[in-house]
Amino acid sequence: MTVATEETVMAEPRACTRCSKVSLLWVVGRCADCVAEMGLAEDSTEYDAWKADVRAEFGRK
């Protein structure tokens, strides 16, 4: 898969830091599948840490 680096490109594929799959939907290092898996897991520790990273990156609204 080719990764675009032009400023006019609206989305570019990136590797998930958790599963290493390449995805267009990528939020603070995690792909949508990993966010869903973390959110549905019985132990919410990893999901809570990811949410804290999101708040740090984008702020709280």
C-alpha atoms as a PDB file:
ATOM      1  CA  MET A   1       0.000   0.000   0.000  1.00  0.00           C
ATOM      2  CA  THR A   2       1.323   3.440  -0.918  1.00  0.00           C
ATOM      3  CA  VAL A   3       1.307   6.171   1.712  1.00  0.00           C
ATOM      4  CA  ALA A   4       0.453   9.627   0.352  1.00  0.00           C
ATOM      5  CA  THR A   5       2.340  12.577   1.795  1.00  0.00           C
ATOM      6  CA  GLU A   6       0.853  15.430  -0.224  1.00  0.00           C
ATOM      7  CA  GLU A   7      -0.848  18.320   1.580  1.00  0.00           C
ATOM      8  CA  THR A   8      -3.931  18.044  -0.647  1.00  0.00           C
ATOM      9  CA  VAL A   9      -4.635  14.453   0.430  1.00  0.00           C
ATOM     10  CA  MET A  10      -7.498  14.292   2.936  1.00  0.00           C
ATOM     11  CA  ALA A  11      -6.601  10.907   4.450  1.00  0.00           C
ATOM     12  CA  GLU A  12      -3.583   8.697   4.373  1.00  0.00           C
ATOM     13  CA  PRO A  13      -3.198   5.122   5.568  1.00  0.00           C
ATOM     14  CA  ARG A  14      -1.272   4.608   8.796  1.00  0.00           C
ATOM     15  CA  ALA A  15      -0.311   1.559  10.790  1.00  0.00           C
ATOM     16  CA  CYS A  16      -2.084   1.005  14.098  1.00  0.00           C
ATOM     17  CA  THR A  17       0.286   1.058  17.057  1.00  0.00           C
ATOM     18  CA  ARG A  18      -1.660  -1.769  18.699  1.00  0.00           C
ATOM     19  CA  CYS A  19      -2.243  -4.297  15.880  1.00  0.00           C
ATOM     20  CA  SER A  20       0.011  -2.916  13.095  1.00  0.00           C
ATOM     21  CA  LYS A  21      -2.776  -3.123  10.489  1.00  0.00           C
ATOM     22  CA  VAL A  22      -2.848  -0.243   8.011  1.00  0.00           C
ATOM     23  CA  SER A  23      -6.029   1.827   8.245  1.00  0.00           C
ATOM     24  CA  LEU A  24      -7.465   5.129   7.030  1.00  0.00           C
ATOM     25  CA  LEU A  25      -9.417   5.660  10.263  1.00  0.00           C
ATOM     26  CA  TRP A  26      -6.759   6.192  12.912  1.00  0.00           C
ATOM     27  CA  VAL A  27      -7.234   8.037  16.213  1.00  0.00           C
ATOM     28  CA  VAL A  28      -4.249   8.694  18.469  1.00  0.00           C
ATOM     29  CA  GLY A  29      -2.392   5.644  17.217  1.00  0.00           C
ATOM     30  CA  ARG A  30      -5.234   3.118  17.187  1.00  0.00           C
ATOM     31  CA  CYS A  31      -7.376   1.871  14.317  1.00  0.00           C
ATOM     32  CA  ALA A  32     -11.171   1.718  14.646  1.00  0.00           C
ATOM     33  CA  ASP A  33     -11.123  -2.060  15.158  1.00  0.00           C
ATOM     34  CA  CYS A  34      -8.734  -1.755  18.099  1.00  0.00           C
ATOM     35  CA  VAL A  35     -10.732   1.099  19.642  1.00  0.00           C
ATOM     36  CA  ALA A  36     -13.843  -1.090  19.443  1.00  0.00           C
ATOM     37  CA  GLU A  37     -12.037  -4.103  20.931  1.00  0.00           C
ATOM     38  CA  MET A  38     -10.685  -1.996  23.793  1.00  0.00           C
ATOM     39  CA  GLY A  39     -14.090  -0.421  24.425  1.00  0.00           C
ATOM     40  CA  LEU A  40     -15.869  -3.785  24.532  1.00  0.00           C
ATOM     41  CA  ALA A  41     -13.281  -5.552  26.692  1.00  0.00           C
ATOM     42  CA  GLU A  42     -14.246  -6.448  30.266  1.00  0.00           C
ATOM     43  CA  ASP A  43     -11.083  -4.786  31.586  1.00  0.00           C
ATOM     44  CA  SER A  44     -11.300  -1.114  30.586  1.00  0.00           C
ATOM     45  CA  THR A  45      -7.733  -0.212  31.624  1.00  0.00           C
ATOM     46  CA  GLU A  46      -6.339  -0.029  28.088  1.00  0.00           C
ATOM     47  CA  TYR A  47      -9.408   1.845  26.780  1.00  0.00           C
ATOM     48  CA  ASP A  48      -9.223   4.366  29.643  1.00  0.00           C
ATOM     49  CA  ALA A  49      -5.531   4.973  28.894  1.00  0.00           C
ATOM     50  CA  TRP A  50      -6.375   5.523  25.215  1.00  0.00           C
ATOM     51  CA  LYS A  51      -9.162   7.978  26.169  1.00  0.00           C
ATOM     52  CA  ALA A  52      -6.666   9.908  28.292  1.00  0.00           C
ATOM     53  CA  ASP A  53      -4.335  10.076  25.274  1.00  0.00           C
ATOM     54  CA  VAL A  54      -7.218  11.400  23.139  1.00  0.00           C
ATOM     55  CA  ARG A  55      -8.009  14.092  25.723  1.00  0.00           C
ATOM     56  CA  ALA A  56      -4.338  15.073  25.879  1.00  0.00           C
ATOM     57  CA  GLU A  57      -4.109  15.276  22.075  1.00  0.00           C
ATOM     58  CA  PHE A  58      -7.412  17.027  21.317  1.00  0.00           C
ATOM     59  CA  GLY A  59      -8.548  18.486  24.632  1.00  0.00           C
ATOM     60  CA  ARG A  60     -11.854  17.933  26.362  1.00  0.00           C
ATOM     61  CA  LYS A  61     -15.070  19.430  25.025  1.00  0.00           C
END
